Protein backbone atom coordinates (compact mmCIF):
# COMPACT_ATOMS: atom_id res chain seq x y z
CA MET A 1 0.00 0.00 0.00
CA SER A 2 1.40 3.41 -0.99
CA ALA A 3 -0.24 6.80 -0.64
CA GLY A 4 2.47 8.02 -3.00
CA ASP A 5 0.84 5.98 -5.77
CA ALA A 6 -2.35 7.97 -5.23
CA GLU A 7 -0.36 11.19 -5.65
CA ARG A 8 1.07 9.88 -8.92
CA ALA A 9 -2.44 8.95 -10.02
CA ILE A 10 -3.71 12.45 -9.24
CA ASP A 11 -0.83 13.94 -11.22
CA SER A 12 -1.63 11.63 -14.15
CA LEU A 13 -5.29 12.63 -14.14
CA ARG A 14 -4.43 16.34 -14.17
CA ARG A 15 -1.98 15.81 -17.04
CA GLY A 16 -4.48 13.83 -19.10
CA TRP A 17 -2.57 10.57 -18.86
CA PRO A 18 -4.33 7.21 -18.59
CA LEU A 19 -4.05 5.04 -15.50
CA ALA A 20 -5.68 1.91 -14.14
CA ILE A 21 -7.23 0.85 -10.85
CA ALA A 22 -6.75 -2.79 -9.91
CA THR A 23 -8.99 -4.76 -7.57
CA GLY A 24 -9.35 -8.44 -6.83
CA HIS A 25 -11.92 -8.66 -9.61
CA CYS A 26 -10.49 -6.76 -12.58
CA THR A 27 -8.44 -3.79 -13.75
CA LEU A 28 -10.26 -0.63 -14.81
CA ALA A 29 -8.30 1.62 -17.20
CA LEU A 30 -9.26 5.31 -17.04
CA LEU A 31 -8.87 8.44 -19.13
CA ALA A 32 -10.20 11.62 -17.49
CA ILE A 33 -12.44 13.47 -19.94
CA GLU A 34 -11.67 16.96 -18.60
CA THR A 35 -7.92 16.76 -19.20
CA ALA A 36 -7.86 14.53 -22.29
CA ASP A 37 -8.37 15.41 -25.97
CA PRO A 38 -9.40 13.52 -29.13
CA VAL A 39 -5.82 12.45 -29.89
CA ARG A 40 -5.31 10.98 -26.42
CA LEU A 41 -8.68 9.29 -26.62
CA ALA A 42 -7.71 7.65 -29.91
CA GLY A 43 -4.52 6.35 -28.32
CA PHE A 44 -6.39 5.10 -25.25
CA ASP A 45 -9.29 3.57 -27.16
CA PRO A 46 -8.39 2.98 -30.83
CA GLU A 47 -11.51 0.86 -31.35
CA GLY A 48 -13.80 3.66 -30.19
CA THR A 49 -15.75 1.41 -27.83
CA ALA A 50 -14.78 2.66 -24.35
CA PRO A 51 -17.94 3.64 -22.41
CA VAL A 52 -18.24 6.78 -20.29
CA LEU A 53 -18.22 6.63 -16.49
CA LEU A 54 -20.19 9.32 -14.62
CA SER A 55 -21.50 9.71 -11.09
CA SER A 56 -25.18 8.94 -10.68
CA GLY A 57 -25.79 12.54 -9.63
CA ARG A 58 -24.53 13.77 -12.98
CA ALA A 59 -26.33 11.01 -14.89
CA VAL A 60 -29.65 11.75 -13.19
CA THR A 61 -29.18 15.47 -13.90
CA LEU A 62 -28.85 14.62 -17.60
CA ARG A 63 -31.70 12.07 -17.39
CA LEU A 64 -29.30 9.39 -18.58
CA ALA A 65 -29.83 6.88 -15.77
CA ASN A 66 -32.33 4.54 -17.39
CA GLN A 67 -31.44 1.75 -14.98
CA ARG A 68 -32.69 1.55 -11.39
CA ALA A 69 -32.17 4.79 -9.49
CA ALA A 70 -28.83 5.09 -7.72
CA ALA A 71 -28.81 5.81 -3.99
CA SER A 72 -26.01 8.36 -3.88
CA PRO A 73 -24.47 11.01 -6.14
CA GLU A 74 -21.15 9.25 -5.62
CA CYS A 75 -22.34 5.99 -7.17
CA PRO A 76 -20.98 5.20 -10.64
CA VAL A 77 -23.06 5.00 -13.82
CA LEU A 78 -21.60 3.53 -17.00
CA ILE A 79 -22.93 4.93 -20.29
CA GLU A 80 -22.68 2.69 -23.35
CA ARG A 81 -20.41 4.04 -26.10
CA ALA A 82 -22.73 4.69 -29.01
CA ARG A 83 -21.28 5.33 -32.46
CA TRP A 84 -21.95 9.06 -32.19
CA LEU A 85 -20.61 9.45 -28.61
CA ASP A 86 -17.41 11.21 -29.63
CA PHE A 87 -15.04 13.30 -27.50
CA ALA A 88 -17.10 16.48 -27.85
CA THR A 89 -20.28 14.70 -26.74
CA ALA A 90 -18.47 13.10 -23.81
CA THR A 91 -17.17 16.53 -22.78
CA ALA A 92 -20.74 17.82 -22.77
CA LEU A 93 -21.79 14.85 -20.64
CA ALA A 94 -19.05 15.66 -18.14
CA ASP A 95 -19.22 19.45 -17.92
CA PRO A 96 -22.45 21.23 -16.91
CA GLN A 97 -21.35 24.47 -18.57
CA PHE A 98 -22.50 22.82 -21.81
CA ASP A 99 -25.91 21.75 -20.52
CA LEU A 100 -27.72 24.70 -22.07
CA ALA A 101 -25.46 25.16 -25.08
CA MET A 102 -25.27 21.62 -26.48
CA PRO A 103 -28.40 19.50 -26.85
CA MET A 104 -27.76 15.82 -26.24
CA LYS A 105 -28.06 13.49 -29.23
CA GLY A 106 -29.17 10.41 -27.35
CA PRO A 107 -30.55 8.03 -26.58
CA PHE A 108 -28.02 7.05 -23.94
CA ARG A 109 -28.10 3.66 -22.28
CA ALA A 110 -26.66 2.77 -18.89
CA ILE A 111 -24.94 -0.61 -18.74
CA ASP A 112 -23.73 -2.83 -15.92
CA LEU A 113 -20.34 -2.31 -14.29
CA ALA A 114 -18.12 -5.35 -13.85
CA ASP A 115 -16.46 -3.80 -10.77
CA PRO A 116 -18.42 -0.97 -9.12
CA GLU A 117 -15.76 -0.60 -6.39
CA ALA A 118 -13.09 0.29 -8.93
CA ALA A 119 -15.49 2.78 -10.51
CA ARG A 120 -16.19 4.37 -7.13
CA GLY A 121 -12.44 4.61 -6.61
CA ALA A 122 -12.17 6.49 -9.92
CA LEU A 123 -14.77 9.01 -8.77
CA ARG A 124 -12.92 9.47 -5.47
CA LEU A 125 -9.68 10.10 -7.36
CA ALA A 126 -11.38 12.76 -9.47
CA THR A 127 -12.53 14.56 -6.32
CA LEU A 128 -9.01 14.41 -4.86
CA ALA A 129 -7.59 15.75 -8.13
CA GLY A 130 -10.12 18.58 -8.32
CA ILE A 131 -11.35 17.56 -11.77
CA LEU A 132 -14.78 16.63 -13.08
CA PRO A 133 -15.71 13.02 -12.19
CA ALA A 134 -16.08 11.67 -15.71
CA PHE A 135 -13.94 9.13 -17.55
CA PHE A 136 -13.62 6.96 -20.61
CA VAL A 137 -13.04 3.48 -19.16
CA ILE A 138 -11.94 0.08 -20.38
CA GLU A 139 -12.79 -2.81 -18.08
CA GLY A 140 -9.87 -5.23 -18.14
CA GLY A 141 -7.65 -2.56 -19.73
CA SER A 142 -4.09 -1.66 -18.79
CA ALA A 143 -1.94 1.45 -18.35
CA ASP A 144 1.62 2.34 -17.41
CA LEU A 145 0.44 3.41 -13.95
CA VAL A 146 -1.66 0.88 -12.03
CA ILE A 147 -2.85 1.60 -8.50
CA ALA A 148 -4.91 -0.34 -5.98
CA LEU A 149 -7.99 0.84 -4.11
CA ALA A 150 -5.88 0.64 -0.95
CA ASP A 151 -3.59 3.32 -2.44
CA ILE A 152 -6.51 5.75 -2.61
CA ASP A 153 -7.53 4.89 0.95
CA ALA A 154 -3.96 5.53 2.14
CA HIS A 155 -3.99 8.98 0.58
CA GLU A 156 -7.05 9.85 2.69
CA ASP A 157 -5.75 8.15 5.85
CA ALA A 158 -5.91 10.75 8.64
CA THR A 159 -3.67 8.65 10.89
CA ARG A 160 -0.71 9.54 8.65
CA LEU A 161 -1.00 13.20 9.65
CA THR A 162 1.81 14.55 11.87
CA ILE A 163 2.88 17.92 13.27
CA ALA A 164 5.46 19.49 10.95
CA ALA A 165 6.17 22.88 12.56
CA ARG A 166 4.85 25.35 15.10
CA ALA A 167 5.55 28.97 16.06
CA HIS A 168 4.14 31.95 17.96
CA LEU A 169 1.82 33.96 15.67
CA PRO A 170 -0.05 37.02 16.94
CA VAL A 171 -3.10 37.62 14.74
CA ALA A 172 -5.72 40.34 14.54
CA GLY A 173 -8.11 39.69 17.41
CA ALA A 174 -5.82 37.21 19.19
CA GLU A 175 -2.26 38.32 19.89
CA ASP A 176 -1.60 35.36 22.20
CA ALA A 177 -1.70 32.65 19.53
CA GLU A 178 0.43 29.80 18.23
CA ILE A 179 0.25 28.33 14.73
CA VAL A 180 0.79 24.60 14.18
CA ALA A 181 1.18 23.01 10.73
CA PHE A 182 0.24 19.39 9.96
CA ARG A 183 0.98 17.26 6.91
CA THR A 184 1.47 13.74 5.65
CA PRO A 185 4.51 12.62 3.60
CA GLU A 186 2.38 12.68 0.43
CA MET A 187 -0.08 15.56 0.69
CA PRO A 188 0.73 18.69 -1.37
CA GLY A 189 -0.76 21.13 1.17
CA GLU A 190 -0.86 21.52 4.93
CA HIS A 191 -3.64 21.76 7.49
CA ILE A 192 -3.24 24.47 10.13
CA ALA A 193 -4.24 24.88 13.78
CA LEU A 194 -4.30 28.23 15.55
CA LEU A 195 -4.06 27.81 19.32
CA ILE A 196 -5.45 30.86 21.07
CA GLY A 197 -4.83 31.53 24.76
CA ALA A 198 -3.56 28.90 27.17
CA PRO A 199 -5.07 25.60 28.37
CA ASN A 200 -7.04 26.15 31.58
CA GLY A 201 -8.25 22.64 32.39
CA ALA A 202 -11.57 23.08 30.57
CA PRO A 203 -12.38 21.62 27.12
CA PRO A 204 -11.18 24.12 24.50
CA LEU A 205 -13.62 26.00 22.29
CA VAL A 206 -12.90 24.58 18.83
CA ARG A 207 -13.84 25.76 15.37
CA LEU A 208 -13.39 23.61 12.24
CA HIS A 209 -13.00 26.04 9.34
CA SER A 210 -12.67 24.72 5.81
CA GLU A 211 -10.47 26.74 3.48
CA CYS A 212 -12.36 29.31 1.36
CA LEU A 213 -10.10 31.46 -0.80
CA THR A 214 -12.97 33.54 -2.13
CA GLY A 215 -14.45 34.24 1.30
CA ASP A 216 -11.41 34.26 3.59
CA VAL A 217 -9.05 36.21 1.33
CA LEU A 218 -11.14 38.07 -1.25
CA GLY A 219 -14.11 38.92 0.95
CA SER A 220 -16.75 37.15 -1.12
CA LEU A 221 -20.32 37.94 -0.10
CA LYS A 222 -21.70 34.75 -1.70
CA CYS A 223 -20.91 32.74 1.45
CA ASP A 224 -20.42 33.43 5.15
CA CYS A 225 -16.91 31.95 5.42
CA GLY A 226 -14.88 35.12 5.90
CA PRO A 227 -17.10 36.56 8.65
CA GLN A 228 -17.30 33.11 10.29
CA LEU A 229 -13.50 32.90 10.40
CA ASP A 230 -13.11 36.33 11.98
CA ALA A 231 -15.97 35.72 14.43
CA ALA A 232 -14.52 32.33 15.44
CA ILE A 233 -11.15 33.88 16.31
CA ALA A 234 -12.93 36.55 18.34
CA ALA A 235 -15.11 34.00 20.14
CA ILE A 236 -12.16 31.76 21.02
CA ALA A 237 -10.15 34.75 22.28
CA ALA A 238 -13.10 35.87 24.42
CA ASN A 239 -13.38 32.35 25.81
CA GLY A 240 -9.75 32.49 26.91
CA TRP A 241 -8.67 29.17 25.41
CA GLY A 242 -9.43 27.34 22.20
CA ILE A 243 -8.31 26.06 18.82
CA LEU A 244 -9.16 27.07 15.27
CA LEU A 245 -8.49 24.33 12.70
CA TYR A 246 -8.00 25.60 9.15
CA LEU A 247 -8.66 22.61 6.91
CA ARG A 248 -7.47 22.45 3.29
CA GLN A 249 -10.83 21.27 1.98
CA GLU A 250 -11.81 24.05 -0.41
CA GLY A 251 -15.35 23.98 -1.75
CA ARG A 252 -16.53 21.32 0.72
CA GLY A 253 -13.75 19.09 -0.56
CA ILE A 254 -14.18 19.47 -4.36
CA GLY A 255 -11.44 22.05 -4.87
CA LEU A 256 -11.33 25.68 -5.96
CA ILE A 257 -11.99 25.20 -9.67
CA ASN A 258 -14.99 22.98 -9.12
CA LYS A 259 -16.27 25.41 -6.48
CA LEU A 260 -16.14 28.19 -9.06
CA ARG A 261 -18.01 25.94 -11.47
CA ALA A 262 -20.64 25.52 -8.78
CA TYR A 263 -20.79 29.30 -8.42
CA ALA A 264 -21.46 29.60 -12.14
CA LEU A 265 -24.33 27.11 -11.81
CA GLN A 266 -25.70 29.11 -8.88
CA ASP A 267 -25.73 32.14 -11.20
CA GLN A 268 -28.03 30.07 -13.44
CA GLY A 269 -30.43 29.59 -10.53
CA PHE A 270 -29.30 26.32 -8.92
CA ASP A 271 -28.72 26.26 -5.17
CA THR A 272 -25.45 25.06 -3.64
CA VAL A 273 -26.70 21.48 -3.18
CA ASP A 274 -28.00 21.07 -6.74
CA ALA A 275 -24.89 22.75 -8.16
CA ASN A 276 -22.59 20.17 -6.54
CA THR A 277 -24.80 17.29 -7.65
CA ARG A 278 -25.04 18.69 -11.18
CA LEU A 279 -21.24 18.69 -11.33
CA GLY A 280 -21.27 15.03 -10.30
CA PHE A 281 -20.06 15.43 -6.72
CA ALA A 282 -21.51 14.61 -3.34
CA VAL A 283 -23.22 17.46 -1.50
CA ASP A 284 -20.29 17.51 0.96
CA SER A 285 -17.02 15.68 0.23
CA ARG A 286 -15.15 16.75 3.36
CA ASN A 287 -13.60 14.25 5.77
CA PHE A 288 -13.46 15.56 9.34
CA ALA A 289 -11.39 12.58 10.51
CA VAL A 290 -8.45 14.85 9.62
CA ALA A 291 -9.70 17.38 12.17
CA ALA A 292 -10.06 14.68 14.81
CA ARG A 293 -6.47 13.56 14.21
CA MET A 294 -5.23 17.15 14.54
CA LEU A 295 -7.07 17.60 17.83
CA ALA A 296 -5.72 14.30 19.14
CA LEU A 297 -2.16 15.32 18.28
CA LEU A 298 -2.75 18.55 20.19
CA GLY A 299 -4.05 16.62 23.20
CA ALA A 300 -7.60 17.96 22.85
CA ARG A 301 -9.78 14.85 23.08
CA SER A 302 -12.73 16.64 24.67
CA VAL A 303 -13.97 19.89 23.09
CA ARG A 304 -16.73 22.45 22.88
CA LEU A 305 -17.46 22.73 19.16
CA LEU A 306 -18.35 26.08 17.61
CA THR A 307 -20.60 25.04 14.72
CA ASN A 308 -24.08 25.00 13.22
CA ASN A 309 -23.37 21.72 11.41
CA PRO A 310 -24.35 18.57 13.38
CA GLN A 311 -22.35 16.44 10.91
CA LYS A 312 -19.14 17.90 12.31
CA VAL A 313 -20.17 16.72 15.78
CA THR A 314 -21.05 13.26 14.45
CA GLN A 315 -17.80 12.81 12.52
CA LEU A 316 -15.58 14.05 15.35
CA GLU A 317 -17.22 11.73 17.86
CA ALA A 318 -16.98 8.80 15.44
CA ALA A 319 -13.24 9.51 15.26
CA GLY A 320 -12.81 9.48 19.04
CA ILE A 321 -13.18 13.16 19.99
CA THR A 322 -15.79 13.90 22.68
CA VAL A 323 -17.94 16.93 21.94
CA VAL A 324 -19.25 18.08 25.31
CA GLU A 325 -21.21 20.98 23.82
CA ARG A 326 -22.20 22.31 20.41
CA VAL A 327 -21.94 26.09 20.51
CA PRO A 328 -23.97 27.87 17.78
CA HIS A 329 -22.04 30.12 15.41
CA ILE A 330 -24.68 32.37 13.86
CA LEU A 331 -23.96 35.55 11.91
CA PRO A 332 -26.31 37.91 10.03
CA ALA A 333 -26.99 37.23 6.36
CA ASN A 334 -26.44 39.69 3.53
CA PRO A 335 -28.44 40.02 0.29
CA HIS A 336 -25.90 37.90 -1.59
CA ASN A 337 -25.83 34.89 0.74
CA GLU A 338 -29.41 34.74 2.08
CA ARG A 339 -30.34 31.88 -0.26
CA TYR A 340 -27.09 30.04 0.46
CA LEU A 341 -27.71 30.14 4.21
CA ALA A 342 -31.33 29.06 3.74
CA THR A 343 -30.14 26.09 1.66
CA LYS A 344 -27.69 25.05 4.39
CA ARG A 345 -30.54 25.19 6.89
CA ASP A 346 -33.21 23.49 4.78
CA ARG A 347 -31.19 20.95 2.77
CA THR A 348 -27.99 20.12 4.68
CA GLY A 349 -29.23 20.10 8.26
CA HIS A 350 -27.47 23.17 9.61
CA GLU A 351 -29.09 24.49 12.77
CA PHE A 352 -29.42 28.27 12.95
């Protein structure tokens, strides 16, 4: 098992190179539609018979799932390669920016997958790579790079996280603070903890904040991330002791580019939930086991959690962190994010 193989797979997907996922049942060769082109497709599939793999969320959006309904947007759907399903048509199947511009030829037919687990692994890899979850696939095919499902699991293994560095860092609103950086040997980025104040024997007030470049840095009004970050630092400082975790899980885990694609769909009238599903992703792809590992490494196994999201409580407790209290973190809406906040309340279980 090697998490490094998952990193090489992610690099291959972003470069438009084929790879294969091997399981105990078969080998599934993949070519990511977003980063490929007609020439690479011809080299990957000279016979022109490779079907197209999509998530069920994307397939249902396009009304392509003519088999029994899938239970989750992360489930795979295999679309038969019709004679007229060329690279341009496959690109339109993968990318929702073409939904209004390019009418589908059809009919499309969903066919059975020989190894659904390998297909689910392909969709997970796409999420990790920050690309659209859509592939040409050859069941039983080969590629220069072959990885196992265990390699993907190792990449997401929170137990591999360790403390890399720490230093005193006064910040606006909390001058008595220490920054701690965490990483694994393979991950390209780092997760950060900001320790504010000094331990006083009580469970720390903890905030899990997922990275949001648009909100945290640029001051976007489409979400509430920037104000939540500032308010969390202020609340922890007022409490006297606590920890802010800054998690590198942009766009609820789908990455910056896909988050911007979701923004574009929201401009067309879709809410944040439907935008993610239309792109082919789960509503929330974050894994808070990473946060639990960070807290454990900091010795904080019992916390007061500053959040409106009960799923954060559930995931932390499942990973061994005791949440003694959920502390609401409610800020006023603005005209640009009113619908977004209502969607979080009504469709993702946030409690305001």
